[in-house]
């Protein structure tokens, strides 16, 4: 077998493995806060719903995802939550941020890890949040998964 043929077959194999790793999506639904999200079950393993039923952690060796709901404090607002997240991550580490009427997104990189957070304000005075952090070396795998998870987060 020539080196060129080997590289072509190897590339097809790697593409197939990556595609299959993201093919098995499951949906987690939270009854308490009324949200749901699809997640790649082959990449992230559900750790069990929290005792107070606000959400769940999903983990692997190189990533951790959290989804949860919280009640908005009487002096809280989406803008205050957004500013707190940007401050916590460190403005110098934030590579993307947006604040809209009903949601915000903050993402970036810090200490060899990539993070992404989307928080949405819900009627009735609550927030629902999806956040994930993963090794930069796995960016190609998780970036594609995040696109799908964000679209499914409702």
C-alpha atoms as a PDB file:
ATOM      1  CA  UNK A   1       0.000   0.000   0.000  1.00  0.00           C
ATOM      2  CA  UNK A   2       1.350   3.407  -0.913  1.00  0.00           C
ATOM      3  CA  UNK A   3       1.731   6.136   1.676  1.00  0.00           C
ATOM      4  CA  UNK A   4      -0.847   8.285  -0.153  1.00  0.00           C
ATOM      5  CA  UNK A   5      -3.416   5.492  -0.119  1.00  0.00           C
ATOM      6  CA  UNK A   6      -2.729   4.838   3.558  1.00  0.00           C
ATOM      7  CA  UNK A   7      -3.244   8.526   4.424  1.00  0.00           C
ATOM      8  CA  UNK A   8      -6.523   8.639   2.512  1.00  0.00           C
ATOM      9  CA  UNK A   9      -7.834   5.521   4.277  1.00  0.00           C
ATOM     10  CA  UNK A  10      -6.631   6.806   7.641  1.00  0.00           C
ATOM     11  CA  UNK A  11      -8.390  10.151   7.070  1.00  0.00           C
ATOM     12  CA  UNK A  12     -11.631   8.369   6.186  1.00  0.00           C
ATOM     13  CA  UNK A  13     -11.325   6.240   9.324  1.00  0.00           C
ATOM     14  CA  UNK A  14     -10.737   9.287  11.568  1.00  0.00           C
ATOM     15  CA  UNK A  15     -13.676  11.157   9.994  1.00  0.00           C
ATOM     16  CA  UNK A  16     -15.901   8.108  10.498  1.00  0.00           C
ATOM     17  CA  UNK A  17     -14.896   7.742  14.162  1.00  0.00           C
ATOM     18  CA  UNK A  18     -15.538  11.452  14.823  1.00  0.00           C
ATOM     19  CA  UNK A  19     -18.922  11.338  13.079  1.00  0.00           C
ATOM     20  CA  UNK A  20     -19.975   8.233  14.983  1.00  0.00           C
ATOM     21  CA  UNK A  21     -18.872   9.729  18.302  1.00  0.00           C
ATOM     22  CA  UNK A  22     -21.443  12.458  17.818  1.00  0.00           C
ATOM     23  CA  UNK A  23     -24.209  10.377  16.286  1.00  0.00           C
ATOM     24  CA  UNK A  24     -25.851   9.263  19.535  1.00  0.00           C
ATOM     25  CA  UNK A  25     -27.655  12.290  20.970  1.00  0.00           C
ATOM     26  CA  UNK A  26     -30.042  12.011  23.891  1.00  0.00           C
ATOM     27  CA  UNK A  27     -32.309  14.677  25.348  1.00  0.00           C
ATOM     28  CA  UNK A  28     -32.304  15.713  28.971  1.00  0.00           C
ATOM     29  CA  UNK A  29     -35.529  17.438  30.072  1.00  0.00           C
ATOM     30  CA  UNK A  30     -35.944  19.254  33.360  1.00  0.00           C
ATOM     31  CA  UNK A  31     -39.480  19.330  34.744  1.00  0.00           C
ATOM     32  CA  UNK A  32     -38.823  21.839  37.533  1.00  0.00           C
ATOM     33  CA  UNK A  33     -37.631  24.652  35.234  1.00  0.00           C
ATOM     34  CA  UNK A  34     -39.182  23.431  31.977  1.00  0.00           C
ATOM     35  CA  UNK A  35     -36.092  23.265  29.753  1.00  0.00           C
ATOM     36  CA  UNK A  36     -34.434  20.599  27.641  1.00  0.00           C
ATOM     37  CA  UNK A  37     -31.160  20.043  25.809  1.00  0.00           C
ATOM     38  CA  UNK A  38     -29.799  17.356  23.488  1.00  0.00           C
ATOM     39  CA  UNK A  39     -26.308  16.138  24.322  1.00  0.00           C
ATOM     40  CA  UNK A  40     -23.838  13.709  22.700  1.00  0.00           C
ATOM     41  CA  UNK A  41     -24.254  10.631  24.902  1.00  0.00           C
ATOM     42  CA  UNK A  42     -21.154   9.007  23.414  1.00  0.00           C
ATOM     43  CA  UNK A  43     -19.038  11.954  24.589  1.00  0.00           C
ATOM     44  CA  UNK A  44     -20.712  13.044  27.817  1.00  0.00           C
ATOM     45  CA  UNK A  45     -22.128  10.743  30.460  1.00  0.00           C
ATOM     46  CA  UNK A  46     -25.060  11.902  32.588  1.00  0.00           C
ATOM     47  CA  UNK A  47     -24.124  12.050  36.277  1.00  0.00           C
ATOM     48  CA  UNK A  48     -27.688  12.067  37.619  1.00  0.00           C
ATOM     49  CA  UNK A  49     -30.083  14.875  38.356  1.00  0.00           C
ATOM     50  CA  UNK A  50     -29.304  17.134  41.316  1.00  0.00           C
ATOM     51  CA  UNK A  51     -31.132  16.435  44.578  1.00  0.00           C
ATOM     52  CA  UNK A  52     -33.089  19.710  44.239  1.00  0.00           C
ATOM     53  CA  UNK A  53     -34.070  18.813  40.632  1.00  0.00           C
ATOM     54  CA  UNK A  54     -32.596  22.010  39.150  1.00  0.00           C
ATOM     55  CA  UNK A  55     -30.329  20.305  36.613  1.00  0.00           C
ATOM     56  CA  UNK A  56     -27.627  17.812  35.844  1.00  0.00           C
ATOM     57  CA  UNK A  57     -23.893  17.449  35.214  1.00  0.00           C
ATOM     58  CA  UNK A  58     -22.579  15.549  32.186  1.00  0.00           C
ATOM     59  CA  UNK A  59     -18.907  14.577  32.175  1.00  0.00           C
ATOM     60  CA  UNK A  60     -16.063  12.863  30.361  1.00  0.00           C
ATOM     61  CA  UNK A  61     -12.307  12.695  30.910  1.00  0.00           C
ATOM     62  CA  UNK A  62     -11.798  15.958  28.994  1.00  0.00           C
ATOM     63  CA  UNK A  63     -15.061  17.884  29.428  1.00  0.00           C
ATOM     64  CA  UNK A  64     -17.806  18.847  31.834  1.00  0.00           C
ATOM     65  CA  UNK A  65     -21.210  20.226  30.958  1.00  0.00           C
ATOM     66  CA  UNK A  66     -23.732  21.634  33.425  1.00  0.00           C
ATOM     67  CA  UNK A  67     -27.349  22.535  32.752  1.00  0.00           C
ATOM     68  CA  UNK A  68     -29.475  24.048  35.470  1.00  0.00           C
ATOM     69  CA  UNK A  69     -32.215  26.441  36.389  1.00  0.00           C
ATOM     70  CA  UNK A  70     -32.150  29.088  39.112  1.00  0.00           C
ATOM     71  CA  UNK A  71     -34.655  31.495  40.536  1.00  0.00           C
ATOM     72  CA  UNK A  72     -33.805  35.108  39.866  1.00  0.00           C
ATOM     73  CA  UNK A  73     -33.095  37.076  43.023  1.00  0.00           C
ATOM     74  CA  UNK A  74     -35.310  40.114  43.617  1.00  0.00           C
ATOM     75  CA  UNK A  75     -32.386  42.435  42.813  1.00  0.00           C
ATOM     76  CA  UNK A  76     -31.078  40.257  39.981  1.00  0.00           C
ATOM     77  CA  UNK A  77     -31.258  40.761  36.260  1.00  0.00           C
ATOM     78  CA  UNK A  78     -29.925  39.133  33.125  1.00  0.00           C
ATOM     79  CA  UNK A  79     -27.493  42.033  32.647  1.00  0.00           C
ATOM     80  CA  UNK A  80     -26.120  41.642  36.189  1.00  0.00           C
ATOM     81  CA  UNK A  81     -25.671  37.900  35.658  1.00  0.00           C
ATOM     82  CA  UNK A  82     -23.930  38.543  32.319  1.00  0.00           C
ATOM     83  CA  UNK A  83     -21.528  41.063  33.880  1.00  0.00           C
ATOM     84  CA  UNK A  84     -20.760  38.676  36.739  1.00  0.00           C
ATOM     85  CA  UNK A  85     -19.899  35.848  34.307  1.00  0.00           C
ATOM     86  CA  UNK A  86     -17.623  38.096  32.212  1.00  0.00           C
ATOM     87  CA  UNK A  87     -15.871  39.277  35.389  1.00  0.00           C
ATOM     88  CA  UNK A  88     -15.533  35.720  36.724  1.00  0.00           C
ATOM     89  CA  UNK A  89     -13.970  34.440  33.490  1.00  0.00           C
ATOM     90  CA  UNK A  90     -11.714  37.489  33.176  1.00  0.00           C
ATOM     91  CA  UNK A  91     -12.407  39.938  30.378  1.00  0.00           C
ATOM     92  CA  UNK A  92      -8.996  39.163  28.830  1.00  0.00           C
ATOM     93  CA  UNK A  93     -10.029  35.502  28.417  1.00  0.00           C
ATOM     94  CA  UNK A  94     -13.414  36.186  26.829  1.00  0.00           C
ATOM     95  CA  UNK A  95     -13.325  35.830  23.035  1.00  0.00           C
ATOM     96  CA  UNK A  96     -17.064  36.166  22.397  1.00  0.00           C
ATOM     97  CA  UNK A  97     -19.869  37.739  24.367  1.00  0.00           C
ATOM     98  CA  UNK A  98     -23.339  38.985  23.583  1.00  0.00           C
ATOM     99  CA  UNK A  99     -26.204  40.214  25.712  1.00  0.00           C
ATOM    100  CA  UNK A 100     -29.709  40.236  24.227  1.00  0.00           C
ATOM    101  CA  UNK A 101     -33.123  40.932  25.716  1.00  0.00           C
ATOM    102  CA  UNK A 102     -33.785  37.329  26.824  1.00  0.00           C
ATOM    103  CA  UNK A 103     -30.352  35.636  26.867  1.00  0.00           C
ATOM    104  CA  UNK A 104     -26.606  36.050  26.924  1.00  0.00           C
ATOM    105  CA  UNK A 105     -23.613  34.042  25.698  1.00  0.00           C
ATOM    106  CA  UNK A 106     -20.036  34.208  26.984  1.00  0.00           C
ATOM    107  CA  UNK A 107     -17.215  32.039  25.664  1.00  0.00           C
ATOM    108  CA  UNK A 108     -13.447  31.979  25.585  1.00  0.00           C
ATOM    109  CA  UNK A 109     -10.349  30.133  26.687  1.00  0.00           C
ATOM    110  CA  UNK A 110      -8.543  29.985  30.006  1.00  0.00           C
ATOM    111  CA  UNK A 111      -5.736  27.740  31.280  1.00  0.00           C
ATOM    112  CA  UNK A 112      -5.854  25.365  28.285  1.00  0.00           C
ATOM    113  CA  UNK A 113      -9.630  24.944  28.537  1.00  0.00           C
ATOM    114  CA  UNK A 114     -12.419  26.336  26.360  1.00  0.00           C
ATOM    115  CA  UNK A 115     -15.654  27.408  27.985  1.00  0.00           C
ATOM    116  CA  UNK A 116     -19.066  28.338  26.664  1.00  0.00           C
ATOM    117  CA  UNK A 117     -22.109  29.534  28.593  1.00  0.00           C
ATOM    118  CA  UNK A 118     -25.602  30.436  27.477  1.00  0.00           C
ATOM    119  CA  UNK A 119     -28.112  31.719  30.010  1.00  0.00           C
ATOM    120  CA  UNK A 120     -31.731  32.480  29.166  1.00  0.00           C
ATOM    121  CA  UNK A 121     -34.258  34.464  31.205  1.00  0.00           C
ATOM    122  CA  UNK A 122     -37.597  32.711  31.562  1.00  0.00           C
ATOM    123  CA  UNK A 123     -41.033  34.019  32.359  1.00  0.00           C
ATOM    124  CA  UNK A 124     -41.764  33.750  36.036  1.00  0.00           C
ATOM    125  CA  UNK A 125     -38.395  35.064  37.142  1.00  0.00           C
ATOM    126  CA  UNK A 126     -35.946  32.247  36.510  1.00  0.00           C
ATOM    127  CA  UNK A 127     -32.781  31.641  34.486  1.00  0.00           C
ATOM    128  CA  UNK A 128     -31.777  28.452  32.696  1.00  0.00           C
ATOM    129  CA  UNK A 129     -28.110  27.913  31.938  1.00  0.00           C
ATOM    130  CA  UNK A 130     -26.075  25.592  29.738  1.00  0.00           C
ATOM    131  CA  UNK A 131     -22.328  25.686  30.298  1.00  0.00           C
ATOM    132  CA  UNK A 132     -19.526  23.483  29.051  1.00  0.00           C
ATOM    133  CA  UNK A 133     -15.776  23.456  29.558  1.00  0.00           C
ATOM    134  CA  UNK A 134     -13.353  21.201  27.682  1.00  0.00           C
ATOM    135  CA  UNK A 135      -9.683  20.728  26.803  1.00  0.00           C
ATOM    136  CA  UNK A 136      -8.495  22.898  23.918  1.00  0.00           C
ATOM    137  CA  UNK A 137      -7.040  19.764  22.298  1.00  0.00           C
ATOM    138  CA  UNK A 138     -10.627  18.496  21.814  1.00  0.00           C
ATOM    139  CA  UNK A 139     -11.899  21.672  20.171  1.00  0.00           C
ATOM    140  CA  UNK A 140     -12.760  19.983  16.859  1.00  0.00           C
ATOM    141  CA  UNK A 141     -14.972  17.425  18.565  1.00  0.00           C
ATOM    142  CA  UNK A 142     -16.735  19.647  21.093  1.00  0.00           C
ATOM    143  CA  UNK A 143     -17.185  22.751  18.922  1.00  0.00           C
ATOM    144  CA  UNK A 144     -19.373  20.726  16.548  1.00  0.00           C
ATOM    145  CA  UNK A 145     -21.304  19.205  19.437  1.00  0.00           C
ATOM    146  CA  UNK A 146     -21.892  22.639  20.989  1.00  0.00           C
ATOM    147  CA  UNK A 147     -23.485  23.917  17.786  1.00  0.00           C
ATOM    148  CA  UNK A 148     -26.091  21.180  18.015  1.00  0.00           C
ATOM    149  CA  UNK A 149     -26.578  21.521  21.779  1.00  0.00           C
ATOM    150  CA  UNK A 150     -27.125  25.295  21.546  1.00  0.00           C
ATOM    151  CA  UNK A 151     -29.789  24.831  18.876  1.00  0.00           C
ATOM    152  CA  UNK A 152     -31.579  22.266  21.030  1.00  0.00           C
ATOM    153  CA  UNK A 153     -31.437  24.227  24.299  1.00  0.00           C
ATOM    154  CA  UNK A 154     -35.010  25.359  24.949  1.00  0.00           C
END
